Amino acid sequence: MTERHARTPATPGVLLDPLRNRGVAFVPEERETLGLTGRLPAGVLTLDQQARRAYQQMEMQGTDLAKNVYLEQLHDRNETLYFKVLTEHLAELLPIVYDPTVGEAIEKYSHEYRRPRGIFLSIDRPDDMEKAFATLQLGPEDVDLIVCTDAEEILGIGDWGVGGIQISVGKLAVYTAAAGIDPSRVVAVSLDVGTDRKSLLEDPLYLGNRHPRTRGAEYDAFIEQYLETASSTFPDALLHFEDFGPGNARRILEQYGGRYRIFNDDMQGTGAITLAAALAAVKVAGVRMRDQRLVVFGAGTAGVGIADQLRDAMIRDGAEPEQAVSQVWLIDKQGLLTRDMTDLRDFQQTYARDPAEVADWARDDGAISLLETVRRAEPTILLGTSTVHGAFTREVVRAMAEGTERPIVFPISNPTSRIEAMPADVIAWSEGKALVATGIPVPPVDYGGVTYRIGQANNALLYPGLGLGTIVSGASQVTAGMLLAAARAVADQVDVSGQGASLLPSVENLRESSAITATAVVEAALEDGVATCKPTDIGEAVREAMWQPVYTDGASR
């Protein structure tokens, strides 16, 4: 009896590598070269044909979550095809691959788990960081962008532990689809510091660290170690922070922003896109930026981050720093914030009012209300980041309209169930005077014979172009000037001369929009002296840097 030898199977690894896999787009010669003989059906389809089929398959899914799952499975199989579909249908699919559907995918991450994507760094094993990054087998110059999250404040759904990796994956997908950031040069990171969500800790299938969130000195040391390791391993990478808790987000940015190439989208991106809407509104209102008076309802990380952006814009328009700060009022759960309050967060203190200034203002249970603040301060801009549905009442909006000719009202909380006011109400209550932008997609509003188009303060209009510009310029840090340049570039892409015009562009032409924004960001990086690359033709350099979802000869190697 002859000895039976174990078979040595063929290893057509290209089919398992989403960056190189083309599926049935491999032509016969490539199949022969790559050892794929007999491993694929005989038919050969083009990328366009594959994209049509994949889109049709996606449409057949019964729910948005099912569409998200289908697209992620495609992402895991064939990245070029995934981005071809996403890029061609970006406006439609943006809510599927990112907010709001990604929130549901995050909640079900451990139960829907299929395969890992990204790097998982555990606070329980901090010394594994270098080893974890080394598994990527990428050199120091091979990574342009890293998106990390500790998942404490995911979108509007809070702490979801290790499932937050999906927010990093989704953010990177938007960077690629909207601005052409090369998907082979990006990394998603989960900073798993535990979770305080009881349902996760008690779930036998939960995949993250099964203990409460680590805080204090141990957390701070872990973040510092991450920054040092990521920046030394990949010195050219932009380090994007996403969905950290309010206190940690601001503290990390302020502490390390001058030392590392850091960007926090929740603070800086949200602030800059809202600033873009404000710059467009200012053109209509006819009041200089330096003369704006801002009331922020919801003084968390996002609200104060936006206030910072608008304050910086006032200063750049000629206001003295002290004057600009005095033109901002913050309102939170305890009412108008004043310096004598003992529970102020450090980032709120800059804008807290002198108690003597408001001593004669009316109070409700000891607190100065939003309505009283609007009546007394006579703001030109009212910003909502509170997630308190209906907070901008008829009385509040009418008080805004009485204090200024063209009130700028931005209820940007999302989802719809948490928005401070619907645009149709704001426009009606202000008798068509209000200039409105929201954080959710809203259909046009008809009032008084005019159709008002409502711009969405969607961060995707700004951060992809900002990231691309930072990469192309090799900027050593993201400066206030670069953020302002991005905001201005977005604002300049809309024509606000017509009655009822939108204050922000749509996402229909996002790649072209991102290229324009990136060009402005490169120019600002050069002006601010932080650029390490100085292209002769900035616009050409930006477009050459944009990865395209096409099959190239590199996939055959």
Protein backbone atom coordinates (compact mmCIF):
# COMPACT_ATOMS: atom_id res chain seq x y z
CA MET A 1 0.00 0.00 0.00
CA THR A 2 1.52 3.27 -1.03
CA GLU A 3 1.86 6.03 1.48
CA ARG A 4 -0.76 8.66 0.98
CA HIS A 5 0.63 12.18 0.97
CA ALA A 6 -1.40 15.16 2.18
CA ARG A 7 -2.37 17.49 -0.60
CA THR A 8 -0.67 20.84 -0.81
CA PRO A 9 -3.46 23.16 -1.95
CA ALA A 10 -2.87 26.04 -4.26
CA THR A 11 -2.71 29.35 -2.47
CA PRO A 12 -4.27 32.00 -4.70
CA GLY A 13 -3.89 34.60 -1.96
CA VAL A 14 -4.88 37.44 -4.30
CA LEU A 15 -8.53 36.35 -3.94
CA LEU A 16 -8.24 36.83 -0.16
CA ASP A 17 -6.55 40.24 -0.37
CA PRO A 18 -9.24 42.95 -0.75
CA LEU A 19 -6.66 45.46 -1.97
CA ARG A 20 -5.63 43.27 -4.94
CA ASN A 21 -8.68 41.10 -5.56
CA ARG A 22 -10.63 41.73 -8.78
CA GLY A 23 -12.82 38.65 -8.69
CA VAL A 24 -14.20 37.80 -12.12
CA ALA A 25 -12.53 40.88 -13.59
CA PHE A 26 -9.26 38.94 -13.77
CA VAL A 27 -8.64 38.16 -17.44
CA PRO A 28 -7.43 34.66 -18.49
CA GLU A 29 -3.77 35.68 -18.66
CA GLU A 30 -3.88 37.08 -15.13
CA ARG A 31 -5.63 33.99 -13.82
CA GLU A 32 -2.85 31.83 -15.26
CA THR A 33 -0.09 34.02 -13.83
CA LEU A 34 -1.66 34.22 -10.37
CA GLY A 35 -2.44 30.53 -10.02
CA LEU A 36 -6.19 31.03 -10.33
CA THR A 37 -6.80 28.41 -13.00
CA GLY A 38 -10.17 26.84 -12.33
CA ARG A 39 -10.82 29.00 -9.29
CA LEU A 40 -13.18 31.42 -11.03
CA PRO A 41 -16.11 31.06 -13.46
CA ALA A 42 -15.11 31.42 -17.13
CA GLY A 43 -16.89 34.74 -17.65
CA VAL A 44 -14.95 38.00 -17.34
CA LEU A 45 -16.68 41.21 -16.29
CA THR A 46 -15.40 44.77 -16.36
CA LEU A 47 -15.27 46.88 -13.21
CA ASP A 48 -18.28 48.85 -14.46
CA GLN A 49 -20.26 45.64 -14.92
CA GLN A 50 -19.25 44.42 -11.48
CA ALA A 51 -20.29 47.76 -9.98
CA ARG A 52 -23.73 47.60 -11.59
CA ARG A 53 -24.26 44.08 -10.27
CA ALA A 54 -23.02 44.96 -6.77
CA TYR A 55 -25.29 48.01 -6.62
CA GLN A 56 -28.26 45.88 -7.69
CA GLN A 57 -27.41 43.32 -5.00
CA MET A 58 -27.17 46.09 -2.43
CA GLU A 59 -30.56 47.50 -3.46
CA MET A 60 -32.16 44.10 -2.83
CA GLN A 61 -31.28 44.24 0.87
CA GLY A 62 -34.39 44.87 2.95
CA THR A 63 -33.07 47.40 5.50
CA ASP A 64 -30.40 50.05 5.77
CA LEU A 65 -28.51 47.85 8.24
CA ALA A 66 -28.62 44.95 5.78
CA LYS A 67 -27.26 47.29 3.09
CA ASN A 68 -24.48 48.34 5.47
CA VAL A 69 -23.61 44.68 6.15
CA TYR A 70 -23.62 43.87 2.42
CA LEU A 71 -21.34 46.79 1.62
CA GLU A 72 -18.93 45.88 4.42
CA GLN A 73 -18.76 42.32 3.07
CA LEU A 74 -17.96 43.78 -0.36
CA HIS A 75 -15.36 46.01 1.33
CA ASP A 76 -13.77 42.90 2.83
CA ARG A 77 -13.62 41.14 -0.56
CA ASN A 78 -12.73 43.81 -3.12
CA GLU A 79 -11.86 47.35 -2.04
CA THR A 80 -11.65 48.78 -5.55
CA LEU A 81 -15.14 47.54 -6.38
CA TYR A 82 -16.47 48.73 -3.01
CA PHE A 83 -15.18 52.25 -3.58
CA LYS A 84 -16.34 52.24 -7.19
CA VAL A 85 -19.91 51.63 -5.97
CA LEU A 86 -19.60 54.06 -3.05
CA THR A 87 -18.10 56.85 -5.16
CA GLU A 88 -20.71 56.56 -7.91
CA HIS A 89 -23.61 56.63 -5.40
CA LEU A 90 -22.03 58.69 -2.63
CA ALA A 91 -24.97 60.93 -1.79
CA GLU A 92 -27.25 57.90 -1.48
CA LEU A 93 -24.82 55.63 0.35
CA LEU A 94 -23.19 58.10 2.74
CA PRO A 95 -25.98 57.55 5.33
CA ILE A 96 -25.57 53.79 4.87
CA VAL A 97 -21.81 53.46 5.37
CA TYR A 98 -21.69 56.23 7.96
CA ASP A 99 -24.15 58.20 10.10
CA PRO A 100 -26.87 57.20 10.89
CA THR A 101 -26.80 53.51 9.88
CA VAL A 102 -23.28 52.88 11.15
CA GLY A 103 -24.64 53.58 14.64
CA GLU A 104 -26.85 50.51 14.44
CA ALA A 105 -23.95 48.46 13.05
CA ILE A 106 -21.83 49.54 16.02
CA GLU A 107 -24.50 48.51 18.52
CA LYS A 108 -24.60 45.03 16.97
CA TYR A 109 -20.88 44.71 16.29
CA SER A 110 -20.15 41.75 18.55
CA HIS A 111 -23.19 39.82 17.30
CA GLU A 112 -22.65 40.62 13.60
CA TYR A 113 -18.86 40.13 13.76
CA ARG A 114 -17.44 38.65 10.55
CA ARG A 115 -13.77 39.52 10.23
CA PRO A 116 -11.40 42.06 11.83
CA ARG A 117 -10.57 45.31 10.09
CA GLY A 118 -8.06 47.69 11.64
CA ILE A 119 -5.88 47.52 14.72
CA PHE A 120 -7.18 46.79 18.23
CA LEU A 121 -5.07 48.31 21.02
CA SER A 122 -5.95 47.28 24.56
CA ILE A 123 -5.25 49.33 27.66
CA ASP A 124 -4.71 46.00 29.42
CA ARG A 125 -1.76 45.26 27.12
CA PRO A 126 -0.17 48.65 26.35
CA ASP A 127 3.20 47.12 25.55
CA ASP A 128 1.68 45.37 22.52
CA MET A 129 1.28 48.62 20.56
CA GLU A 130 4.47 48.40 18.52
CA LYS A 131 3.87 44.71 17.78
CA ALA A 132 0.30 45.47 16.68
CA PHE A 133 1.38 48.18 14.21
CA ALA A 134 4.20 45.92 12.98
CA THR A 135 1.65 43.29 11.89
CA LEU A 136 0.55 45.71 9.16
CA GLN A 137 3.95 45.20 7.51
CA LEU A 138 3.99 48.83 6.40
CA GLY A 139 7.02 51.10 6.35
CA PRO A 140 7.35 54.56 7.95
CA GLU A 141 6.33 56.31 4.71
CA ASP A 142 3.45 53.96 3.87
CA VAL A 143 0.65 55.49 5.96
CA ASP A 144 -1.04 58.86 5.39
CA LEU A 145 -3.95 58.70 7.81
CA ILE A 146 -4.95 56.90 11.03
CA VAL A 147 -8.44 57.26 12.52
CA CYS A 148 -8.72 56.18 16.14
CA THR A 149 -11.54 56.15 18.67
CA ASP A 150 -12.03 55.11 22.29
CA ALA A 151 -15.78 54.97 21.51
CA GLU A 152 -16.94 56.82 24.60
CA GLU A 153 -19.26 59.19 22.74
CA ILE A 154 -20.23 57.48 19.48
CA LEU A 155 -22.44 59.74 17.34
CA GLY A 156 -25.59 60.27 19.41
CA ILE A 157 -25.60 56.79 20.97
CA GLY A 158 -22.86 57.04 23.58
CA ASP A 159 -20.40 54.41 24.81
CA TRP A 160 -20.20 51.25 22.68
CA GLY A 161 -16.77 49.95 23.54
CA VAL A 162 -14.85 47.95 20.96
CA GLY A 163 -17.72 48.25 18.46
CA GLY A 164 -16.50 51.78 17.89
CA ILE A 165 -13.92 50.40 15.45
CA GLN A 166 -16.73 50.67 12.89
CA ILE A 167 -16.76 54.45 13.28
CA SER A 168 -13.06 54.52 12.36
CA VAL A 169 -13.66 52.21 9.39
CA GLY A 170 -16.64 54.28 8.22
CA LYS A 171 -14.75 57.56 8.56
CA LEU A 172 -11.89 56.23 6.46
CA ALA A 173 -14.33 55.02 3.81
CA VAL A 174 -15.69 58.57 3.50
CA TYR A 175 -12.13 59.98 3.29
CA THR A 176 -11.45 57.69 0.34
CA ALA A 177 -14.77 58.06 -1.46
CA ALA A 178 -15.01 61.82 -0.96
CA ALA A 179 -11.37 62.89 -1.29
CA GLY A 180 -9.46 60.02 -2.83
CA ILE A 181 -7.31 59.15 0.17
CA ASP A 182 -5.57 55.91 -0.86
CA PRO A 183 -7.26 53.04 1.09
CA SER A 184 -3.99 51.09 1.16
CA ARG A 185 -2.40 53.95 3.12
CA VAL A 186 -4.90 54.28 5.97
CA VAL A 187 -5.41 52.50 9.30
CA ALA A 188 -8.46 52.22 11.56
CA VAL A 189 -7.69 51.93 15.28
CA SER A 190 -9.75 50.93 18.31
CA LEU A 191 -8.38 52.18 21.63
CA ASP A 192 -10.12 49.68 23.90
CA VAL A 193 -10.13 51.13 27.41
CA GLY A 194 -13.21 49.21 28.53
CA THR A 195 -16.85 50.27 28.58
CA ASP A 196 -19.34 51.57 31.10
CA ARG A 197 -22.32 50.15 29.20
CA LYS A 198 -23.81 47.48 31.43
CA SER A 199 -25.46 45.61 28.56
CA LEU A 200 -22.07 45.09 26.90
CA LEU A 201 -20.34 44.01 30.10
CA GLU A 202 -23.06 41.42 30.66
CA ASP A 203 -23.18 40.21 27.04
CA PRO A 204 -21.36 36.85 26.76
CA LEU A 205 -20.60 37.61 23.09
CA TYR A 206 -19.09 41.07 23.71
CA LEU A 207 -15.64 41.19 22.08
CA GLY A 208 -14.00 44.06 23.96
CA ASN A 209 -12.33 44.44 27.34
CA ARG A 210 -14.89 43.33 29.91
CA HIS A 211 -14.37 45.99 32.56
CA PRO A 212 -15.44 49.59 33.24
CA ARG A 213 -13.66 52.37 31.37
CA THR A 214 -10.19 53.08 32.66
CA ARG A 215 -9.76 56.73 33.53
CA GLY A 216 -7.27 59.07 35.15
CA ALA A 217 -3.50 58.68 34.96
CA GLU A 218 -3.58 55.20 33.41
CA TYR A 219 -5.85 56.41 30.58
CA ASP A 220 -3.69 59.49 29.99
CA ALA A 221 -0.54 57.37 29.83
CA PHE A 222 -2.21 55.03 27.31
CA ILE A 223 -3.19 57.95 25.05
CA GLU A 224 0.30 59.43 25.23
CA GLN A 225 1.82 56.05 24.42
CA TYR A 226 -0.52 55.71 21.43
CA LEU A 227 0.48 59.13 20.10
CA GLU A 228 4.17 58.43 20.53
CA THR A 229 3.96 54.97 18.97
CA ALA A 230 1.72 55.93 16.05
CA SER A 231 3.70 59.06 15.19
CA SER A 232 7.11 57.37 15.45
CA THR A 233 5.97 54.33 13.45
CA PHE A 234 4.26 56.41 10.77
CA PRO A 235 5.72 59.94 11.03
CA ASP A 236 3.86 61.26 7.98
CA ALA A 237 0.39 60.19 9.14
CA LEU A 238 -2.42 62.55 10.14
CA LEU A 239 -3.79 61.30 13.47
CA HIS A 240 -7.56 61.73 13.41
CA PHE A 241 -9.40 61.42 16.76
CA GLU A 242 -13.08 60.48 16.61
CA ASP A 243 -15.91 60.24 19.16
CA PHE A 244 -13.94 60.62 22.37
CA GLY A 245 -15.72 61.82 25.52
CA PRO A 246 -16.11 65.62 25.78
CA GLY A 247 -13.49 66.24 28.46
CA ASN A 248 -10.90 63.89 26.97
CA ALA A 249 -11.38 65.11 23.39
CA ARG A 250 -10.61 68.72 24.14
CA ARG A 251 -7.84 67.98 26.62
CA ILE A 252 -6.01 65.68 24.20
CA LEU A 253 -6.24 68.23 21.39
CA GLU A 254 -5.03 71.11 23.55
CA GLN A 255 -2.25 69.09 25.18
CA TYR A 256 -0.84 67.43 22.09
CA GLY A 257 -2.03 69.51 19.13
CA GLY A 258 1.23 71.44 18.99
CA ARG A 259 3.41 68.32 19.18
CA TYR A 260 1.64 65.90 16.84
CA ARG A 261 -0.29 66.07 13.57
CA ILE A 262 -3.72 65.76 15.28
CA PHE A 263 -7.23 66.48 14.05
CA ASN A 264 -10.43 66.03 16.07
CA ASP A 265 -13.46 66.00 13.81
CA ASP A 266 -16.03 66.33 16.60
CA MET A 267 -14.48 69.61 17.69
CA GLN A 268 -12.59 71.03 14.72
CA GLY A 269 -14.55 69.49 11.86
CA THR A 270 -17.97 70.27 13.28
CA GLY A 271 -16.79 73.76 14.14
CA ALA A 272 -15.37 74.39 10.68
CA ILE A 273 -18.42 73.17 8.74
CA THR A 274 -20.69 75.28 10.94
CA LEU A 275 -18.35 78.21 10.38
CA ALA A 276 -18.71 77.61 6.63
CA ALA A 277 -22.49 77.93 6.97
CA ALA A 278 -22.04 81.05 9.09
CA LEU A 279 -19.71 82.65 6.54
CA ALA A 280 -22.30 82.06 3.83
CA ALA A 281 -25.06 83.44 6.06
CA VAL A 282 -23.01 86.53 6.88
CA LYS A 283 -22.89 87.37 3.17
CA VAL A 284 -26.69 87.43 3.13
CA ALA A 285 -27.16 89.19 6.47
CA GLY A 286 -24.68 91.94 5.66
CA VAL A 287 -23.14 91.98 9.16
CA ARG A 288 -19.36 91.56 9.39
CA MET A 289 -18.05 88.41 11.05
CA ARG A 290 -16.29 90.48 13.69
CA ASP A 291 -19.65 91.95 14.75
CA GLN A 292 -21.51 88.65 15.17
CA ARG A 293 -23.04 87.80 18.55
CA LEU A 294 -23.34 84.08 19.24
CA VAL A 295 -25.52 82.13 21.66
CA VAL A 296 -24.66 78.43 21.93
CA PHE A 297 -27.34 76.18 23.43
CA GLY A 298 -25.56 72.99 24.44
CA ALA A 299 -22.09 73.79 25.76
CA GLY A 300 -20.42 70.40 25.30
CA THR A 301 -17.39 69.55 23.19
CA ALA A 302 -19.13 70.23 19.88
CA GLY A 303 -20.82 73.47 20.99
CA VAL A 304 -17.69 75.00 22.48
CA GLY A 305 -15.58 73.73 19.58
CA ILE A 306 -17.86 75.61 17.20
CA ALA A 307 -17.73 78.68 19.42
CA ASP A 308 -13.93 78.55 19.21
CA GLN A 309 -14.04 78.44 15.41
CA LEU A 310 -16.44 81.38 15.18
CA ARG A 311 -14.42 83.35 17.74
CA ASP A 312 -11.23 82.79 15.72
CA ALA A 313 -13.06 83.96 12.58
CA MET A 314 -14.18 87.12 14.37
CA ILE A 315 -10.57 87.82 15.38
CA ARG A 316 -9.29 87.24 11.85
CA ASP A 317 -11.92 89.70 10.66
CA GLY A 318 -10.54 92.41 12.94
CA ALA A 319 -12.09 91.87 16.37
CA GLU A 320 -9.83 92.05 19.41
CA PRO A 321 -9.54 88.63 21.14
CA GLU A 322 -11.23 89.92 24.31
CA GLN A 323 -14.03 91.47 22.29
CA ALA A 324 -14.62 88.23 20.35
CA VAL A 325 -14.88 86.20 23.57
CA SER A 326 -17.35 88.73 25.00
CA GLN A 327 -19.63 88.15 21.99
CA VAL A 328 -20.23 84.49 22.89
CA TRP A 329 -22.82 83.23 25.41
CA LEU A 330 -22.94 79.57 26.45
CA ILE A 331 -26.04 77.87 27.81
CA ASP A 332 -26.06 74.36 29.22
CA LYS A 333 -28.19 72.30 31.60
CA GLN A 334 -27.65 74.83 34.40
CA GLY A 335 -28.71 77.75 32.19
CA LEU A 336 -26.46 80.59 31.06
CA LEU A 337 -22.94 79.80 32.24
CA THR A 338 -21.47 82.29 34.69
CA ARG A 339 -18.10 82.37 36.41
CA ASP A 340 -19.49 81.73 39.87
CA MET A 341 -20.73 78.24 38.92
CA THR A 342 -18.75 75.46 40.58
CA ASP A 343 -19.51 72.74 38.02
CA LEU A 344 -18.05 74.39 34.90
CA ARG A 345 -15.84 72.26 32.69
CA ASP A 346 -12.42 73.69 31.95
CA PHE A 347 -13.26 74.33 28.30
CA GLN A 348 -16.42 76.28 29.24
CA GLN A 349 -14.68 78.74 31.54
CA THR A 350 -13.34 81.00 28.77
CA TYR A 351 -16.87 82.06 27.81
CA ALA A 352 -18.55 82.08 31.23
CA ARG A 353 -20.11 85.49 31.96
CA ASP A 354 -19.35 87.80 34.85
CA PRO A 355 -22.20 87.34 37.39
CA ALA A 356 -22.41 91.12 37.84
CA GLU A 357 -23.14 91.52 34.11
CA VAL A 358 -26.31 89.43 34.37
CA ALA A 359 -27.34 90.25 37.91
CA ASP A 360 -30.66 91.80 36.86
CA TRP A 361 -31.52 89.14 34.25
CA ALA A 362 -34.67 87.11 34.94
CA ARG A 363 -34.19 83.64 36.39
CA ASP A 364 -36.24 80.45 36.35
CA ASP A 365 -35.47 78.24 39.37
CA GLY A 366 -32.19 80.11 39.71
CA ALA A 367 -31.13 79.63 36.07
CA ILE A 368 -31.04 82.14 33.22
CA SER A 369 -33.00 80.59 30.37
CA LEU A 370 -32.35 80.49 26.65
CA LEU A 371 -35.25 82.86 26.00
CA GLU A 372 -33.98 85.42 28.54
CA THR A 373 -30.47 85.21 27.08
CA VAL A 374 -31.73 85.80 23.55
CA ARG A 375 -33.82 88.76 24.67
CA ARG A 376 -30.96 90.36 26.58
CA ALA A 377 -27.92 89.49 24.44
CA GLU A 378 -29.68 90.10 21.09
CA PRO A 379 -27.56 87.51 19.26
CA THR A 380 -27.17 87.41 15.51
CA ILE A 381 -26.44 83.66 15.57
CA LEU A 382 -28.25 80.99 17.57
CA LEU A 383 -26.57 77.58 17.56
CA GLY A 384 -28.10 74.38 18.90
CA THR A 385 -25.90 71.44 19.91
CA SER A 386 -28.00 70.35 22.90
CA THR A 387 -29.92 67.35 21.49
CA VAL A 388 -32.98 68.84 23.28
CA HIS A 389 -35.84 68.42 20.83
CA GLY A 390 -37.96 71.55 20.42
CA ALA A 391 -35.70 73.79 22.51
CA PHE A 392 -35.90 76.59 19.92
CA THR A 393 -39.51 77.56 20.56
CA ARG A 394 -41.67 80.06 18.73
CA GLU A 395 -40.86 82.63 21.45
CA VAL A 396 -37.11 82.08 21.13
CA VAL A 397 -37.13 82.41 17.34
CA ARG A 398 -39.33 85.49 17.44
CA ALA A 399 -37.01 87.07 20.01
CA MET A 400 -34.11 86.39 17.61
CA ALA A 401 -36.01 88.07 14.77
CA GLU A 402 -36.79 91.10 16.95
CA GLY A 403 -33.11 91.54 17.85
CA THR A 404 -31.60 91.30 14.37
CA GLU A 405 -32.85 91.75 10.82
CA ARG A 406 -31.64 88.38 9.46
CA PRO A 407 -31.26 85.93 12.38
CA ILE A 408 -28.91 83.02 11.74
CA VAL A 409 -30.38 79.88 13.32
CA PHE A 410 -28.47 76.60 13.28
CA PRO A 411 -30.25 73.71 15.05
CA ILE A 412 -27.58 71.14 14.22
CA SER A 413 -28.33 68.38 16.75
CA ASN A 414 -29.20 65.03 15.25
CA PRO A 415 -31.05 62.76 14.66
CA THR A 416 -34.41 64.33 13.85
CA SER A 417 -35.81 63.30 17.23
CA ARG A 418 -33.22 65.55 18.91
CA ILE A 419 -33.17 68.62 16.68
CA GLU A 420 -33.85 71.92 18.48
CA ALA A 421 -36.37 73.07 15.84
CA MET A 422 -37.43 72.07 12.37
CA PRO A 423 -36.50 74.56 9.64
CA ALA A 424 -40.10 74.95 8.47
CA ASP A 425 -41.04 76.25 11.92
CA VAL A 426 -38.01 78.53 12.21
CA ILE A 427 -38.76 80.10 8.82
CA ALA A 428 -42.44 80.55 9.58
CA TRP A 429 -41.91 81.95 13.10
CA SER A 430 -39.34 84.44 11.77
CA GLU A 431 -41.62 85.34 8.84
CA GLY A 432 -39.02 84.18 6.34
CA LYS A 433 -36.15 86.19 7.83
CA ALA A 434 -34.12 83.37 9.36
CA LEU A 435 -31.08 81.89 7.65
CA VAL A 436 -31.10 78.20 8.55
CA ALA A 437 -28.75 75.23 8.39
CA THR A 438 -29.23 71.92 10.16
CA GLY A 439 -27.32 68.79 11.13
CA ILE A 440 -29.80 66.50 9.38
CA PRO A 441 -30.94 66.30 5.76
CA VAL A 442 -34.14 68.33 5.37
CA PRO A 443 -36.28 68.79 2.25
CA PRO A 444 -36.87 72.31 0.89
CA VAL A 445 -39.34 74.50 2.76
CA ASP A 446 -41.97 76.58 0.95
CA TYR A 447 -43.03 79.78 2.68
CA GLY A 448 -44.47 83.02 1.36
CA GLY A 449 -43.99 82.01 -2.25
CA VAL A 450 -40.29 81.27 -1.73
CA THR A 451 -38.61 77.85 -1.69
CA TYR A 452 -35.97 77.72 1.03
CA ARG A 453 -33.26 75.11 0.51
CA ILE A 454 -31.80 73.95 3.81
CA GLY A 455 -28.08 73.22 3.90
CA GLN A 456 -26.89 70.33 6.03
CA ALA A 457 -23.86 70.98 8.24
CA ASN A 458 -22.44 67.60 7.29
CA ASN A 459 -18.80 67.20 8.33
CA ALA A 460 -18.24 65.11 5.20
CA LEU A 461 -18.33 68.37 3.24
CA LEU A 462 -15.16 69.47 5.01
CA TYR A 463 -12.94 66.90 6.72
CA PRO A 464 -12.08 64.82 3.61
CA GLY A 465 -10.73 67.89 1.82
CA LEU A 466 -8.99 69.08 4.99
CA GLY A 467 -7.32 65.69 5.38
CA LEU A 468 -6.26 65.57 1.73
CA GLY A 469 -4.82 69.07 1.93
CA THR A 470 -2.92 68.18 5.10
CA ILE A 471 -1.45 65.10 3.42
CA VAL A 472 -0.49 66.88 0.19
CA SER A 473 1.16 69.76 2.08
CA GLY A 474 2.82 67.45 4.60
CA ALA A 475 1.66 69.92 7.26
CA SER A 476 3.27 69.32 10.64
CA GLN A 477 0.03 70.28 12.37
CA VAL A 478 -3.53 71.34 11.59
CA THR A 479 -3.65 75.08 12.20
CA ALA A 480 -6.54 77.45 12.83
CA GLY A 481 -5.68 79.03 9.48
CA MET A 482 -6.09 75.69 7.69
CA LEU A 483 -9.48 75.13 9.34
CA LEU A 484 -10.64 78.61 8.37
CA ALA A 485 -9.39 78.11 4.81
CA ALA A 486 -11.37 74.87 4.58
CA ALA A 487 -14.50 76.60 5.89
CA ARG A 488 -14.13 79.48 3.44
CA ALA A 489 -13.57 77.07 0.55
CA VAL A 490 -16.79 75.23 1.38
CA ALA A 491 -18.73 78.48 1.84
CA ASP A 492 -17.48 79.84 -1.47
CA GLN A 493 -18.94 76.85 -3.31
CA VAL A 494 -22.50 78.07 -2.83
CA ASP A 495 -24.23 81.02 -4.47
CA VAL A 496 -26.32 82.67 -1.75
CA SER A 497 -27.52 85.56 -3.88
CA GLY A 498 -30.89 83.98 -4.66
CA GLN A 499 -33.73 84.17 -2.15
CA GLY A 500 -33.96 80.97 -0.13
CA ALA A 501 -30.58 79.67 -1.32
CA SER A 502 -28.84 76.94 0.66
CA LEU A 503 -25.99 78.05 2.91
CA LEU A 504 -23.98 74.90 2.17
CA PRO A 505 -23.27 72.79 -0.92
CA SER A 506 -24.84 69.36 -1.38
CA VAL A 507 -22.83 66.15 -1.26
CA GLU A 508 -23.64 65.32 -4.89
CA ASN A 509 -20.23 66.51 -6.17
CA LEU A 510 -18.21 65.76 -3.07
CA ARG A 511 -14.99 64.66 -4.76
CA GLU A 512 -14.73 67.89 -6.74
CA SER A 513 -15.70 69.87 -3.66
CA SER A 514 -13.02 68.11 -1.60
CA ALA A 515 -10.37 68.90 -4.22
CA ILE A 516 -11.25 72.60 -4.01
CA THR A 517 -11.12 72.50 -0.21
CA ALA A 518 -7.82 70.61 -0.21
CA THR A 519 -6.23 73.20 -2.49
CA ALA A 520 -7.22 75.98 -0.09
CA VAL A 521 -5.87 73.99 2.86
CA VAL A 522 -2.48 73.49 1.16
CA GLU A 523 -2.28 77.23 0.50
CA ALA A 524 -3.07 77.95 4.16
CA ALA A 525 -0.47 75.42 5.37
CA LEU A 526 2.13 77.18 3.25
CA GLU A 527 1.05 80.58 4.56
CA ASP A 528 1.14 79.36 8.17
CA GLY A 529 4.63 77.92 7.71
CA VAL A 530 3.71 74.33 8.64
CA ALA A 531 3.91 72.77 5.14
CA THR A 532 6.85 70.44 4.50
CA CYS A 533 5.96 69.96 0.82
CA LYS A 534 5.68 72.92 -1.54
CA PRO A 535 4.10 71.84 -4.86
CA THR A 536 4.61 74.11 -7.85
CA ASP A 537 1.01 73.67 -8.99
CA ILE A 538 -1.14 73.06 -5.91
CA GLY A 539 -4.31 72.16 -7.78
CA GLU A 540 -2.49 69.63 -9.94
CA ALA A 541 -0.73 68.13 -6.90
CA VAL A 542 -4.06 67.69 -5.13
CA ARG A 543 -5.67 65.94 -8.10
CA GLU A 544 -2.67 63.70 -8.67
CA ALA A 545 -2.83 62.64 -5.02
CA MET A 546 -6.46 61.51 -5.30
CA TRP A 547 -6.71 57.72 -5.57
CA GLN A 548 -9.21 56.48 -8.16
CA PRO A 549 -11.26 53.26 -7.86
CA VAL A 550 -9.87 51.55 -10.97
CA TYR A 551 -8.05 48.29 -11.50
CA THR A 552 -4.33 48.83 -12.15
CA ASP A 553 -1.47 46.56 -13.13
CA GLY A 554 -0.35 46.54 -9.50
CA ALA A 555 -3.17 44.14 -8.64
CA SER A 556 -1.66 41.50 -10.88
CA ARG A 557 1.64 41.34 -9.04
